[in-house]
Amino acid sequence: MKIFICEYVTGGGYINKKISKKLYLQAKSIVKSLISDFNKIPNLKIVYTWDHRFKKLKKIKNVECFEIKESPLKKWSNLIKKTDVFFPIAPETENKLIELIKLNKFKKKMLSNNLSAIKISSSKYKTYKFFEKNSIPTLKTFNFKKKNFKISKKWVAKRDDGAGSEENYIFSNKKDLFNFLNIHRNFIIQPLVKGVSYSVNVIPIKKKICVLNFNQQKISYEKKKIIFKGTKFVKKIPYETKIKKNIRNIYKKLNGLNSFFGIDFIISNKKIFFLDINPRITTSYKNISKNLKINAAKKILNTL
């Protein structure tokens, strides 16, 4: 069997754009971890693409790399056609993940969540409304149309379809925030709540969730920005029973979560706030094979 791991950032999706070193390194760590894990599965050949501007990964048996020097769409489509399984990985920003999934016009088996779940989880505002509707504890979230500046002194403005914390800005002046929202209408705002940030990696198995692991996110609160500095594996977290109950509820209520996904949440003053659903592999994936005696890739493949 042949699998095409199509990672957007390193695989040529930004071929005509400059990529930040941070974004590249995060994406590279995902690709390396996935190739390593999938390569442990017998009778499986792996193909992937690579932006020619970056140094190639080390050659590995049963793994084939195709260099991308121009728009990758034609090459990606060709590889989907020639392989048995398509594994699309992309940021939700600007519908990149959705567009990548739609390249599969050949009805090949695909390791992906359904578009219905991705369309909700790709929007922070839609995710908030989903959480609110299903009684999942979350932070009040506003867009430029509906806003209430009275409930907090400090605010975080985030791109509605943002991935990671590349564009998370802190405001303490209401006038500055108001002006920002009038210009950046694709941003949402949330009260600034400081606490301990976590993520969880989840995979559905026979219509039940398997919580693979929890990660603590290294977050730095600068004067005007929130900086994400990576994740670390954690064995135990506070309120684990309550958190898992909410994760099961999210899975049950959000149709289309049928492959690997992640959830971000924060614990502050003994309260839990769920923030994001990531309908894709995230950088914390590398923590799984490093710290657990399981092959997460095999579990992902079994979702087919």
C-alpha atoms as a PDB file:
ATOM      1  CA  MET A   1       0.000   0.000   0.000  1.00  0.00           C
ATOM      2  CA  LYS A   2       1.202   3.499  -0.810  1.00  0.00           C
ATOM      3  CA  ILE A   3       0.406   6.611   1.252  1.00  0.00           C
ATOM      4  CA  PHE A   4       0.879  10.222   0.198  1.00  0.00           C
ATOM      5  CA  ILE A   5       1.609  12.475   3.198  1.00  0.00           C
ATOM      6  CA  CYS A   6       0.878  15.956   1.868  1.00  0.00           C
ATOM      7  CA  GLU A   7       2.044  18.557   4.384  1.00  0.00           C
ATOM      8  CA  TYR A   8       1.194  21.995   3.017  1.00  0.00           C
ATOM      9  CA  VAL A   9       3.958  24.161   4.532  1.00  0.00           C
ATOM     10  CA  THR A  10       7.030  22.027   3.764  1.00  0.00           C
ATOM     11  CA  GLY A  11       5.463  20.325   0.752  1.00  0.00           C
ATOM     12  CA  GLY A  12       5.332  23.360  -1.535  1.00  0.00           C
ATOM     13  CA  GLY A  13       2.122  25.133  -0.524  1.00  0.00           C
ATOM     14  CA  TYR A  14       4.022  28.379   0.076  1.00  0.00           C
ATOM     15  CA  ILE A  15       6.306  27.995  -2.952  1.00  0.00           C
ATOM     16  CA  ASN A  16       5.829  31.650  -3.982  1.00  0.00           C
ATOM     17  CA  LYS A  17       5.827  33.064  -0.449  1.00  0.00           C
ATOM     18  CA  LYS A  18       8.346  33.523   2.313  1.00  0.00           C
ATOM     19  CA  ILE A  19       7.844  31.152   5.243  1.00  0.00           C
ATOM     20  CA  SER A  20       8.741  32.121   8.799  1.00  0.00           C
ATOM     21  CA  LYS A  21      11.427  29.945  10.368  1.00  0.00           C
ATOM     22  CA  LYS A  22       9.085  29.101  13.242  1.00  0.00           C
ATOM     23  CA  LEU A  23       6.298  27.869  10.935  1.00  0.00           C
ATOM     24  CA  TYR A  24       8.746  25.830   8.862  1.00  0.00           C
ATOM     25  CA  LEU A  25      10.329  24.146  11.897  1.00  0.00           C
ATOM     26  CA  GLN A  26       6.912  23.238  13.332  1.00  0.00           C
ATOM     27  CA  ALA A  27       5.783  21.725  10.030  1.00  0.00           C
ATOM     28  CA  LYS A  28       9.089  19.904   9.551  1.00  0.00           C
ATOM     29  CA  SER A  29       8.778  18.262  12.977  1.00  0.00           C
ATOM     30  CA  ILE A  30       5.312  16.961  12.010  1.00  0.00           C
ATOM     31  CA  VAL A  31       6.570  15.484   8.726  1.00  0.00           C
ATOM     32  CA  LYS A  32       9.620  13.832  10.314  1.00  0.00           C
ATOM     33  CA  SER A  33       7.538  12.280  13.096  1.00  0.00           C
ATOM     34  CA  LEU A  34       4.867  10.993  10.707  1.00  0.00           C
ATOM     35  CA  ILE A  35       7.387   9.509   8.267  1.00  0.00           C
ATOM     36  CA  SER A  36       9.192   7.791  11.135  1.00  0.00           C
ATOM     37  CA  ASP A  37       5.967   6.318  12.536  1.00  0.00           C
ATOM     38  CA  PHE A  38       4.369   5.290   9.243  1.00  0.00           C
ATOM     39  CA  ASN A  39       7.643   3.713   8.160  1.00  0.00           C
ATOM     40  CA  LYS A  40       7.338   1.227  11.042  1.00  0.00           C
ATOM     41  CA  ILE A  41       4.164  -0.193   9.492  1.00  0.00           C
ATOM     42  CA  PRO A  42       4.905  -3.271   7.311  1.00  0.00           C
ATOM     43  CA  ASN A  43       4.083  -3.288   3.583  1.00  0.00           C
ATOM     44  CA  LEU A  44       3.617   0.460   3.394  1.00  0.00           C
ATOM     45  CA  LYS A  45       5.396   2.825   1.025  1.00  0.00           C
ATOM     46  CA  ILE A  46       5.437   6.558   1.812  1.00  0.00           C
ATOM     47  CA  VAL A  47       5.605   9.451  -0.637  1.00  0.00           C
ATOM     48  CA  TYR A  48       5.736  13.150   0.203  1.00  0.00           C
ATOM     49  CA  THR A  49       6.647  16.448  -1.455  1.00  0.00           C
ATOM     50  CA  TRP A  50       9.247  18.997  -0.379  1.00  0.00           C
ATOM     51  CA  ASP A  51       9.708  22.707  -1.094  1.00  0.00           C
ATOM     52  CA  HIS A  52      13.034  22.888  -3.016  1.00  0.00           C
ATOM     53  CA  ARG A  53      14.130  25.938  -0.988  1.00  0.00           C
ATOM     54  CA  PHE A  54      14.647  23.776   2.109  1.00  0.00           C
ATOM     55  CA  LYS A  55      17.334  21.239   2.850  1.00  0.00           C
ATOM     56  CA  LYS A  56      16.012  17.761   2.083  1.00  0.00           C
ATOM     57  CA  LEU A  57      15.316  15.257   4.823  1.00  0.00           C
ATOM     58  CA  LYS A  58      17.589  12.258   5.174  1.00  0.00           C
ATOM     59  CA  LYS A  59      16.799   9.444   2.704  1.00  0.00           C
ATOM     60  CA  ILE A  60      14.935   6.522   4.256  1.00  0.00           C
ATOM     61  CA  LYS A  61      14.032   3.118   2.847  1.00  0.00           C
ATOM     62  CA  ASN A  62      10.437   2.842   1.543  1.00  0.00           C
ATOM     63  CA  VAL A  63      10.116   6.646   1.495  1.00  0.00           C
ATOM     64  CA  GLU A  64      10.121   8.715  -1.712  1.00  0.00           C
ATOM     65  CA  CYS A  65      10.388  12.494  -1.871  1.00  0.00           C
ATOM     66  CA  PHE A  66       9.288  14.690  -4.791  1.00  0.00           C
ATOM     67  CA  GLU A  67      10.806  18.165  -4.977  1.00  0.00           C
ATOM     68  CA  ILE A  68       8.471  21.090  -5.687  1.00  0.00           C
ATOM     69  CA  LYS A  69       9.804  24.072  -7.661  1.00  0.00           C
ATOM     70  CA  GLU A  70       6.544  25.628  -8.896  1.00  0.00           C
ATOM     71  CA  SER A  71       2.833  25.550  -8.050  1.00  0.00           C
ATOM     72  CA  PRO A  72       2.321  22.117  -6.475  1.00  0.00           C
ATOM     73  CA  LEU A  73      -1.359  21.507  -7.315  1.00  0.00           C
ATOM     74  CA  LYS A  74      -0.745  19.442 -10.443  1.00  0.00           C
ATOM     75  CA  LYS A  75       1.926  17.314  -8.722  1.00  0.00           C
ATOM     76  CA  TRP A  76      -0.219  16.822  -5.643  1.00  0.00           C
ATOM     77  CA  SER A  77      -3.203  15.711  -7.759  1.00  0.00           C
ATOM     78  CA  ASN A  78      -0.967  13.309  -9.672  1.00  0.00           C
ATOM     79  CA  LEU A  79       0.362  11.755  -6.475  1.00  0.00           C
ATOM     80  CA  ILE A  80      -3.145  11.381  -5.028  1.00  0.00           C
ATOM     81  CA  LYS A  81      -4.139   9.562  -8.212  1.00  0.00           C
ATOM     82  CA  LYS A  82      -1.153   7.186  -7.983  1.00  0.00           C
ATOM     83  CA  THR A  83      -1.391   6.340  -4.276  1.00  0.00           C
ATOM     84  CA  ASP A  84      -3.853   4.337  -2.185  1.00  0.00           C
ATOM     85  CA  VAL A  85      -4.188   6.671   0.799  1.00  0.00           C
ATOM     86  CA  PHE A  86      -4.102  10.480   0.897  1.00  0.00           C
ATOM     87  CA  PHE A  87      -3.115  12.210   4.159  1.00  0.00           C
ATOM     88  CA  PRO A  88      -3.700  16.001   3.832  1.00  0.00           C
ATOM     89  CA  ILE A  89      -2.171  18.297   6.473  1.00  0.00           C
ATOM     90  CA  ALA A  90      -2.559  22.072   6.248  1.00  0.00           C
ATOM     91  CA  PRO A  91      -3.375  25.137   8.359  1.00  0.00           C
ATOM     92  CA  GLU A  92      -7.083  26.018   8.467  1.00  0.00           C
ATOM     93  CA  THR A  93      -6.173  29.609   7.536  1.00  0.00           C
ATOM     94  CA  GLU A  94      -7.740  30.850   4.283  1.00  0.00           C
ATOM     95  CA  ASN A  95      -9.384  27.430   3.805  1.00  0.00           C
ATOM     96  CA  LYS A  96      -6.025  25.835   2.955  1.00  0.00           C
ATOM     97  CA  LEU A  97      -6.975  22.537   4.622  1.00  0.00           C
ATOM     98  CA  ILE A  98     -10.361  22.410   2.874  1.00  0.00           C
ATOM     99  CA  GLU A  99      -8.802  23.184  -0.527  1.00  0.00           C
ATOM    100  CA  LEU A 100      -6.193  20.458  -0.009  1.00  0.00           C
ATOM    101  CA  ILE A 101      -8.863  17.893   0.839  1.00  0.00           C
ATOM    102  CA  LYS A 102     -10.876  18.865  -2.247  1.00  0.00           C
ATOM    103  CA  LEU A 103      -7.934  17.825  -4.457  1.00  0.00           C
ATOM    104  CA  ASN A 104      -8.989  14.239  -3.814  1.00  0.00           C
ATOM    105  CA  LYS A 105     -11.267  13.934  -6.834  1.00  0.00           C
ATOM    106  CA  PHE A 106     -10.262  10.320  -7.323  1.00  0.00           C
ATOM    107  CA  LYS A 107     -12.215   9.017  -4.309  1.00  0.00           C
ATOM    108  CA  LYS A 108      -9.031   7.681  -2.735  1.00  0.00           C
ATOM    109  CA  LYS A 109      -9.063   6.676   0.918  1.00  0.00           C
ATOM    110  CA  MET A 110      -8.303   9.734   2.989  1.00  0.00           C
ATOM    111  CA  LEU A 111      -6.981  10.263   6.513  1.00  0.00           C
ATOM    112  CA  SER A 112      -8.988  13.348   7.323  1.00  0.00           C
ATOM    113  CA  ASN A 113     -11.919  14.649   9.285  1.00  0.00           C
ATOM    114  CA  ASN A 114     -15.042  15.458   7.292  1.00  0.00           C
ATOM    115  CA  LEU A 115     -15.535  18.906   5.788  1.00  0.00           C
ATOM    116  CA  SER A 116     -18.598  19.496   8.010  1.00  0.00           C
ATOM    117  CA  ALA A 117     -16.416  19.322  11.157  1.00  0.00           C
ATOM    118  CA  ILE A 118     -13.547  21.247   9.554  1.00  0.00           C
ATOM    119  CA  LYS A 119     -15.808  24.147   8.511  1.00  0.00           C
ATOM    120  CA  ILE A 120     -16.903  24.665  12.129  1.00  0.00           C
ATOM    121  CA  SER A 121     -13.532  24.075  13.792  1.00  0.00           C
ATOM    122  CA  SER A 122     -11.702  26.293  11.274  1.00  0.00           C
ATOM    123  CA  SER A 123     -13.604  29.304  12.622  1.00  0.00           C
ATOM    124  CA  LYS A 124     -12.971  30.387  16.208  1.00  0.00           C
ATOM    125  CA  TYR A 125     -16.339  32.139  16.326  1.00  0.00           C
ATOM    126  CA  LYS A 126     -18.250  29.106  15.015  1.00  0.00           C
ATOM    127  CA  THR A 127     -16.326  26.918  17.468  1.00  0.00           C
ATOM    128  CA  TYR A 128     -17.345  29.243  20.308  1.00  0.00           C
ATOM    129  CA  LYS A 129     -21.013  29.056  19.244  1.00  0.00           C
ATOM    130  CA  PHE A 130     -20.723  25.251  19.082  1.00  0.00           C
ATOM    131  CA  PHE A 131     -19.214  25.130  22.589  1.00  0.00           C
ATOM    132  CA  GLU A 132     -21.886  27.475  23.938  1.00  0.00           C
ATOM    133  CA  LYS A 133     -24.743  25.498  22.357  1.00  0.00           C
ATOM    134  CA  ASN A 134     -23.458  22.221  23.821  1.00  0.00           C
ATOM    135  CA  SER A 135     -22.605  23.544  27.315  1.00  0.00           C
ATOM    136  CA  ILE A 136     -18.836  23.157  26.872  1.00  0.00           C
ATOM    137  CA  PRO A 137     -17.088  25.658  29.184  1.00  0.00           C
ATOM    138  CA  THR A 138     -15.439  28.332  27.052  1.00  0.00           C
ATOM    139  CA  LEU A 139     -14.499  32.014  26.920  1.00  0.00           C
ATOM    140  CA  LYS A 140     -16.941  34.667  25.744  1.00  0.00           C
ATOM    141  CA  THR A 141     -16.070  35.371  22.133  1.00  0.00           C
ATOM    142  CA  PHE A 142     -17.088  38.355  20.011  1.00  0.00           C
ATOM    143  CA  ASN A 143     -16.633  39.429  16.407  1.00  0.00           C
ATOM    144  CA  PHE A 144     -16.626  42.948  14.956  1.00  0.00           C
ATOM    145  CA  LYS A 145     -20.442  42.937  14.680  1.00  0.00           C
ATOM    146  CA  LYS A 146     -21.148  41.823  18.239  1.00  0.00           C
ATOM    147  CA  LYS A 147     -18.830  43.044  20.941  1.00  0.00           C
ATOM    148  CA  ASN A 148     -19.071  43.893  24.626  1.00  0.00           C
ATOM    149  CA  PHE A 149     -16.030  45.721  25.949  1.00  0.00           C
ATOM    150  CA  LYS A 150     -17.446  45.981  29.469  1.00  0.00           C
ATOM    151  CA  ILE A 151     -16.716  42.415  30.580  1.00  0.00           C
ATOM    152  CA  SER A 152     -12.918  42.705  30.538  1.00  0.00           C
ATOM    153  CA  LYS A 153     -10.119  45.245  30.884  1.00  0.00           C
ATOM    154  CA  LYS A 154      -7.709  43.302  28.669  1.00  0.00           C
ATOM    155  CA  TRP A 155      -8.550  41.509  25.432  1.00  0.00           C
ATOM    156  CA  VAL A 156      -6.947  39.105  22.979  1.00  0.00           C
ATOM    157  CA  ALA A 157      -7.651  39.606  19.277  1.00  0.00           C
ATOM    158  CA  LYS A 158      -7.220  36.470  17.161  1.00  0.00           C
ATOM    159  CA  ARG A 159      -7.680  35.796  13.498  1.00  0.00           C
ATOM    160  CA  ASP A 160     -10.954  33.865  13.181  1.00  0.00           C
ATOM    161  CA  ASP A 161      -9.387  31.209  10.946  1.00  0.00           C
ATOM    162  CA  GLY A 162      -5.932  31.460  12.502  1.00  0.00           C
ATOM    163  CA  ALA A 163      -3.762  28.433  13.254  1.00  0.00           C
ATOM    164  CA  GLY A 164      -1.433  28.538  16.248  1.00  0.00           C
ATOM    165  CA  SER A 165      -0.707  31.918  17.848  1.00  0.00           C
ATOM    166  CA  GLU A 166       0.889  33.668  14.878  1.00  0.00           C
ATOM    167  CA  GLU A 167      -1.607  36.554  15.060  1.00  0.00           C
ATOM    168  CA  ASN A 168      -2.773  36.839  18.679  1.00  0.00           C
ATOM    169  CA  TYR A 169      -2.661  40.442  19.900  1.00  0.00           C
ATOM    170  CA  ILE A 170      -3.250  41.828  23.405  1.00  0.00           C
ATOM    171  CA  PHE A 171      -5.194  45.091  23.895  1.00  0.00           C
ATOM    172  CA  SER A 172      -5.753  47.075  27.082  1.00  0.00           C
ATOM    173  CA  ASN A 173      -7.055  50.209  25.366  1.00  0.00           C
ATOM    174  CA  LYS A 174     -10.680  49.919  24.162  1.00  0.00           C
ATOM    175  CA  LYS A 175     -10.297  52.603  21.507  1.00  0.00           C
ATOM    176  CA  ASP A 176      -7.275  50.838  19.984  1.00  0.00           C
ATOM    177  CA  LEU A 177      -9.184  47.538  20.024  1.00  0.00           C
ATOM    178  CA  PHE A 178     -12.253  49.132  18.422  1.00  0.00           C
ATOM    179  CA  ASN A 179     -10.121  50.645  15.643  1.00  0.00           C
ATOM    180  CA  PHE A 180      -8.310  47.331  15.118  1.00  0.00           C
ATOM    181  CA  LEU A 181     -11.596  45.424  14.717  1.00  0.00           C
ATOM    182  CA  ASN A 182     -12.931  47.970  12.240  1.00  0.00           C
ATOM    183  CA  ILE A 183      -9.897  47.343  10.026  1.00  0.00           C
ATOM    184  CA  HIS A 184      -9.415  43.603  10.698  1.00  0.00           C
ATOM    185  CA  ARG A 185     -12.945  42.282  10.388  1.00  0.00           C
ATOM    186  CA  ASN A 186     -11.804  38.674  10.162  1.00  0.00           C
ATOM    187  CA  PHE A 187     -10.628  38.769  13.809  1.00  0.00           C
ATOM    188  CA  ILE A 188     -12.481  37.708  16.952  1.00  0.00           C
ATOM    189  CA  ILE A 189     -11.829  38.929  20.487  1.00  0.00           C
ATOM    190  CA  GLN A 190     -11.785  37.135  23.849  1.00  0.00           C
ATOM    191  CA  PRO A 191     -11.111  38.384  27.395  1.00  0.00           C
ATOM    192  CA  LEU A 192      -7.458  37.886  28.333  1.00  0.00           C
ATOM    193  CA  VAL A 193      -7.414  34.979  30.791  1.00  0.00           C
ATOM    194  CA  LYS A 194      -4.001  33.861  32.012  1.00  0.00           C
ATOM    195  CA  GLY A 195      -3.595  30.321  33.225  1.00  0.00           C
ATOM    196  CA  VAL A 196      -1.953  27.061  32.225  1.00  0.00           C
ATOM    197  CA  SER A 197      -2.560  26.191  28.576  1.00  0.00           C
ATOM    198  CA  TYR A 198      -2.972  22.595  27.440  1.00  0.00           C
ATOM    199  CA  SER A 199      -3.689  20.590  24.325  1.00  0.00           C
ATOM    200  CA  VAL A 200      -4.918  17.037  23.911  1.00  0.00           C
ATOM    201  CA  ASN A 201      -4.493  14.630  20.996  1.00  0.00           C
ATOM    202  CA  VAL A 202      -7.510  12.465  20.262  1.00  0.00           C
ATOM    203  CA  ILE A 203      -8.322   9.694  17.829  1.00  0.00           C
ATOM    204  CA  PRO A 204     -11.684   7.972  17.284  1.00  0.00           C
ATOM    205  CA  ILE A 205     -11.670   4.175  17.439  1.00  0.00           C
ATOM    206  CA  LYS A 206     -14.898   2.314  16.619  1.00  0.00           C
ATOM    207  CA  LYS A 207     -16.967   5.440  17.281  1.00  0.00           C
ATOM    208  CA  LYS A 208     -15.383   5.989  20.688  1.00  0.00           C
ATOM    209  CA  ILE A 209     -12.610   8.421  21.488  1.00  0.00           C
ATOM    210  CA  CYS A 210      -9.117   7.433  22.495  1.00  0.00           C
ATOM    211  CA  VAL A 211      -7.273  10.222  24.315  1.00  0.00           C
ATOM    212  CA  LEU A 212      -3.680   9.652  23.238  1.00  0.00           C
ATOM    213  CA  ASN A 213      -1.946  12.253  25.390  1.00  0.00           C
ATOM    214  CA  PHE A 214      -2.048  15.665  27.008  1.00  0.00           C
ATOM    215  CA  ASN A 215       0.507  18.415  26.395  1.00  0.00           C
ATOM    216  CA  GLN A 216       1.277  21.586  28.277  1.00  0.00           C
ATOM    217  CA  GLN A 217       1.710  24.524  25.943  1.00  0.00           C
ATOM    218  CA  LYS A 218       4.588  26.901  26.561  1.00  0.00           C
ATOM    219  CA  ILE A 219       2.961  30.316  26.312  1.00  0.00           C
ATOM    220  CA  SER A 220       4.587  33.706  26.781  1.00  0.00           C
ATOM    221  CA  TYR A 221       2.444  36.802  27.417  1.00  0.00           C
ATOM    222  CA  GLU A 222       4.253  39.761  25.928  1.00  0.00           C
ATOM    223  CA  LYS A 223       3.004  43.343  26.269  1.00  0.00           C
ATOM    224  CA  LYS A 224       1.154  43.272  22.959  1.00  0.00           C
ATOM    225  CA  LYS A 225       1.253  39.647  21.826  1.00  0.00           C
ATOM    226  CA  ILE A 226       0.859  36.023  22.919  1.00  0.00           C
ATOM    227  CA  ILE A 227       3.811  33.870  21.859  1.00  0.00           C
ATOM    228  CA  PHE A 228       3.601  30.097  21.448  1.00  0.00           C
ATOM    229  CA  LYS A 229       6.917  28.391  22.286  1.00  0.00           C
ATOM    230  CA  GLY A 230       6.070  24.731  21.792  1.00  0.00           C
ATOM    231  CA  THR A 231       4.602  21.915  23.879  1.00  0.00           C
ATOM    232  CA  LYS A 232       5.764  19.381  26.419  1.00  0.00           C
ATOM    233  CA  PHE A 233       4.291  15.974  27.220  1.00  0.00           C
ATOM    234  CA  VAL A 234       2.502  15.716  30.581  1.00  0.00           C
ATOM    235  CA  LYS A 235       1.386  12.504  32.273  1.00  0.00           C
ATOM    236  CA  LYS A 236      -1.269  14.041  34.510  1.00  0.00           C
ATOM    237  CA  ILE A 237      -3.403  17.155  34.405  1.00  0.00           C
ATOM    238  CA  PRO A 238      -5.851  18.663  36.910  1.00  0.00           C
ATOM    239  CA  TYR A 239      -9.574  17.870  36.487  1.00  0.00           C
ATOM    240  CA  GLU A 240      -8.794  15.069  34.032  1.00  0.00           C
ATOM    241  CA  THR A 241     -12.120  13.259  34.530  1.00  0.00           C
ATOM    242  CA  LYS A 242     -14.124  16.429  33.878  1.00  0.00           C
ATOM    243  CA  ILE A 243     -11.965  17.337  30.858  1.00  0.00           C
ATOM    244  CA  LYS A 244     -12.359  13.886  29.301  1.00  0.00           C
ATOM    245  CA  LYS A 245     -16.125  14.091  29.803  1.00  0.00           C
ATOM    246  CA  ASN A 246     -16.175  17.345  27.829  1.00  0.00           C
ATOM    247  CA  ILE A 247     -13.936  15.852  25.118  1.00  0.00           C
ATOM    248  CA  ARG A 248     -16.402  12.967  24.718  1.00  0.00           C
ATOM    249  CA  ASN A 249     -19.226  15.477  24.462  1.00  0.00           C
ATOM    250  CA  ILE A 250     -17.383  17.468  21.783  1.00  0.00           C
ATOM    251  CA  TYR A 251     -16.812  14.287  19.770  1.00  0.00           C
ATOM    252  CA  LYS A 252     -20.423  13.192  20.173  1.00  0.00           C
ATOM    253  CA  LYS A 253     -21.919  16.554  19.170  1.00  0.00           C
ATOM    254  CA  LEU A 254     -19.593  17.589  16.325  1.00  0.00           C
ATOM    255  CA  ASN A 255     -20.373  15.372  13.357  1.00  0.00           C
ATOM    256  CA  GLY A 256     -17.433  14.495  11.127  1.00  0.00           C
ATOM    257  CA  LEU A 257     -14.616  14.061  13.648  1.00  0.00           C
ATOM    258  CA  ASN A 258     -13.540  10.690  12.299  1.00  0.00           C
ATOM    259  CA  SER A 259      -9.758  11.041  12.223  1.00  0.00           C
ATOM    260  CA  PHE A 260      -6.974  12.490  14.391  1.00  0.00           C
ATOM    261  CA  PHE A 261      -7.850  15.829  16.022  1.00  0.00           C
ATOM    262  CA  GLY A 262      -6.636  18.076  18.837  1.00  0.00           C
ATOM    263  CA  ILE A 263      -8.301  20.345  21.370  1.00  0.00           C
ATOM    264  CA  ASP A 264      -6.815  23.371  23.144  1.00  0.00           C
ATOM    265  CA  PHE A 265      -7.964  24.464  26.583  1.00  0.00           C
ATOM    266  CA  ILE A 266      -6.806  26.559  29.504  1.00  0.00           C
ATOM    267  CA  ILE A 267      -7.089  26.062  33.263  1.00  0.00           C
ATOM    268  CA  SER A 268      -7.287  29.313  35.214  1.00  0.00           C
ATOM    269  CA  ASN A 269      -8.311  29.779  38.864  1.00  0.00           C
ATOM    270  CA  LYS A 270      -9.691  26.218  39.032  1.00  0.00           C
ATOM    271  CA  LYS A 271     -11.846  26.814  35.954  1.00  0.00           C
ATOM    272  CA  ILE A 272     -11.564  25.066  32.558  1.00  0.00           C
ATOM    273  CA  PHE A 273     -12.056  26.964  29.309  1.00  0.00           C
ATOM    274  CA  PHE A 274     -12.078  25.110  25.978  1.00  0.00           C
ATOM    275  CA  LEU A 275     -10.731  27.303  23.170  1.00  0.00           C
ATOM    276  CA  ASP A 276     -10.068  25.466  19.907  1.00  0.00           C
ATOM    277  CA  ILE A 277     -10.675  22.241  18.036  1.00  0.00           C
ATOM    278  CA  ASN A 278      -7.799  21.448  15.651  1.00  0.00           C
ATOM    279  CA  PRO A 279      -9.130  19.173  12.874  1.00  0.00           C
ATOM    280  CA  ARG A 280      -5.645  18.010  11.871  1.00  0.00           C
ATOM    281  CA  ILE A 281      -2.226  16.880  13.075  1.00  0.00           C
ATOM    282  CA  THR A 282      -0.493  19.513  15.215  1.00  0.00           C
ATOM    283  CA  THR A 283       3.120  19.992  16.346  1.00  0.00           C
ATOM    284  CA  SER A 284       2.398  18.142  19.595  1.00  0.00           C
ATOM    285  CA  TYR A 285       2.141  14.912  17.561  1.00  0.00           C
ATOM    286  CA  LYS A 286       5.889  14.375  18.041  1.00  0.00           C
ATOM    287  CA  ASN A 287       5.299  14.001  21.794  1.00  0.00           C
ATOM    288  CA  ILE A 288       3.295  10.800  21.283  1.00  0.00           C
ATOM    289  CA  SER A 289       5.889   8.416  19.853  1.00  0.00           C
ATOM    290  CA  LYS A 290       8.589   9.961  22.069  1.00  0.00           C
ATOM    291  CA  ASN A 291       6.722   9.266  25.290  1.00  0.00           C
ATOM    292  CA  LEU A 292       4.215   6.463  24.686  1.00  0.00           C
ATOM    293  CA  LYS A 293       4.782   2.850  23.700  1.00  0.00           C
ATOM    294  CA  ILE A 294       2.328   3.051  20.816  1.00  0.00           C
ATOM    295  CA  ASN A 295       2.535   3.804  17.122  1.00  0.00           C
ATOM    296  CA  ALA A 296       0.059   6.640  16.617  1.00  0.00           C
ATOM    297  CA  ALA A 297       0.409   6.311  12.834  1.00  0.00           C
ATOM    298  CA  LYS A 298      -0.971   2.793  12.981  1.00  0.00           C
ATOM    299  CA  LYS A 299      -3.963   4.045  14.968  1.00  0.00           C
ATOM    300  CA  ILE A 300      -4.494   6.851  12.421  1.00  0.00           C
ATOM    301  CA  LEU A 301      -4.362   4.345   9.565  1.00  0.00           C
ATOM    302  CA  ASN A 302      -6.902   2.168  11.357  1.00  0.00           C
ATOM    303  CA  THR A 303      -9.469   4.987  11.224  1.00  0.00           C
ATOM    304  CA  LEU A 304      -9.910   4.075   7.564  1.00  0.00           C
END
